[in-house]
Amino acid sequence: MRLFEDPYLDVNTAADWLDVEYSTANRLNGQLENDGILEELTGKGRNRFYRASEVFQIINRPIDQL
């Protein structure tokens, strides 16, 4: 999944990555947020921006902790 390359995304990005309609990507992002995979960062109802927190933490972990 592209989240390992770039742990930040919005619904439009998810729609492009998955080649699906915006509404489908929005629903999938919501499911991933409910499952704790994505964290919504903006606190907005629209134009939400997400981060895959666990992936982000792994990417930013010092090499000696890998």
C-alpha atoms as a PDB file:
ATOM      1  CA  MET A   1       0.000   0.000   0.000  1.00  0.00           C
ATOM      2  CA  ARG A   2       1.194   3.497  -0.752  1.00  0.00           C
ATOM      3  CA  LEU A   3       0.920   4.498   2.909  1.00  0.00           C
ATOM      4  CA  PHE A   4       4.371   2.986   3.413  1.00  0.00           C
ATOM      5  CA  GLU A   5       5.778   5.435   0.861  1.00  0.00           C
ATOM      6  CA  ASP A   6       3.813   8.450   2.062  1.00  0.00           C
ATOM      7  CA  PRO A   7       1.884   8.183   5.349  1.00  0.00           C
ATOM      8  CA  TYR A   8      -0.023  11.453   4.722  1.00  0.00           C
ATOM      9  CA  LEU A   9      -3.098  11.677   2.526  1.00  0.00           C
ATOM     10  CA  ASP A  10      -6.446  13.289   1.950  1.00  0.00           C
ATOM     11  CA  VAL A  11      -9.515  11.751   0.340  1.00  0.00           C
ATOM     12  CA  ASN A  12      -8.536  12.928  -3.150  1.00  0.00           C
ATOM     13  CA  THR A  13      -5.129  11.291  -2.780  1.00  0.00           C
ATOM     14  CA  ALA A  14      -6.723   8.039  -1.622  1.00  0.00           C
ATOM     15  CA  ALA A  15      -9.117   8.147  -4.582  1.00  0.00           C
ATOM     16  CA  ASP A  16      -6.185   8.589  -6.972  1.00  0.00           C
ATOM     17  CA  TRP A  17      -4.102   5.849  -5.344  1.00  0.00           C
ATOM     18  CA  LEU A  18      -6.981   3.358  -5.423  1.00  0.00           C
ATOM     19  CA  ASP A  19      -8.527   4.542  -8.702  1.00  0.00           C
ATOM     20  CA  VAL A  20     -11.957   4.881  -7.095  1.00  0.00           C
ATOM     21  CA  GLU A  21     -14.561   7.618  -6.808  1.00  0.00           C
ATOM     22  CA  TYR A  22     -14.228  10.267  -4.098  1.00  0.00           C
ATOM     23  CA  SER A  23     -17.202   8.880  -2.163  1.00  0.00           C
ATOM     24  CA  THR A  24     -15.659   5.410  -2.049  1.00  0.00           C
ATOM     25  CA  ALA A  25     -12.293   6.780  -0.912  1.00  0.00           C
ATOM     26  CA  ASN A  26     -14.047   8.886   1.729  1.00  0.00           C
ATOM     27  CA  ARG A  27     -15.843   5.814   3.074  1.00  0.00           C
ATOM     28  CA  LEU A  28     -12.634   3.760   3.070  1.00  0.00           C
ATOM     29  CA  ASN A  29     -10.685   6.500   4.855  1.00  0.00           C
ATOM     30  CA  GLY A  30     -13.445   6.606   7.465  1.00  0.00           C
ATOM     31  CA  GLN A  31     -13.198   2.859   7.972  1.00  0.00           C
ATOM     32  CA  LEU A  32      -9.406   3.040   8.293  1.00  0.00           C
ATOM     33  CA  GLU A  33      -9.797   5.858  10.804  1.00  0.00           C
ATOM     34  CA  ASN A  34     -12.301   3.810  12.829  1.00  0.00           C
ATOM     35  CA  ASP A  35      -9.872   0.888  12.776  1.00  0.00           C
ATOM     36  CA  GLY A  36      -7.088   3.120  14.103  1.00  0.00           C
ATOM     37  CA  ILE A  37      -4.965   2.887  10.959  1.00  0.00           C
ATOM     38  CA  LEU A  38      -5.476   6.510   9.920  1.00  0.00           C
ATOM     39  CA  GLU A  39      -5.516   9.524  12.215  1.00  0.00           C
ATOM     40  CA  GLU A  40      -7.471  12.587  11.084  1.00  0.00           C
ATOM     41  CA  LEU A  41      -5.264  15.632  11.648  1.00  0.00           C
ATOM     42  CA  THR A  42      -7.357  18.667  10.747  1.00  0.00           C
ATOM     43  CA  GLY A  43     -10.437  18.329  12.948  1.00  0.00           C
ATOM     44  CA  LYS A  44     -12.531  19.529  10.021  1.00  0.00           C
ATOM     45  CA  GLY A  45     -15.685  18.130   8.521  1.00  0.00           C
ATOM     46  CA  ARG A  46     -14.363  18.870   5.034  1.00  0.00           C
ATOM     47  CA  ASN A  47     -10.906  18.850   3.467  1.00  0.00           C
ATOM     48  CA  ARG A  48      -9.688  16.382   6.065  1.00  0.00           C
ATOM     49  CA  PHE A  49      -6.076  15.304   6.074  1.00  0.00           C
ATOM     50  CA  TYR A  50      -4.960  11.966   7.487  1.00  0.00           C
ATOM     51  CA  ARG A  51      -1.787  10.296   8.705  1.00  0.00           C
ATOM     52  CA  ALA A  52      -1.005   6.612   9.037  1.00  0.00           C
ATOM     53  CA  SER A  53       0.419   7.088  12.520  1.00  0.00           C
ATOM     54  CA  GLU A  54       2.084   3.702  12.997  1.00  0.00           C
ATOM     55  CA  VAL A  55       3.788   3.919   9.614  1.00  0.00           C
ATOM     56  CA  PHE A  56       4.876   7.480  10.415  1.00  0.00           C
ATOM     57  CA  GLN A  57       6.340   6.343  13.745  1.00  0.00           C
ATOM     58  CA  ILE A  58       8.275   3.508  12.100  1.00  0.00           C
ATOM     59  CA  ILE A  59       9.654   5.784   9.382  1.00  0.00           C
ATOM     60  CA  ASN A  60      10.820   8.311  11.971  1.00  0.00           C
ATOM     61  CA  ARG A  61      12.253   5.779  14.417  1.00  0.00           C
ATOM     62  CA  PRO A  62      16.011   6.032  14.908  1.00  0.00           C
ATOM     63  CA  ILE A  63      17.911   3.316  13.036  1.00  0.00           C
ATOM     64  CA  ASP A  64      19.263   1.795  16.262  1.00  0.00           C
ATOM     65  CA  GLN A  65      15.654   1.071  17.347  1.00  0.00           C
ATOM     66  CA  LEU A  66      14.689  -0.852  14.215  1.00  0.00           C
END
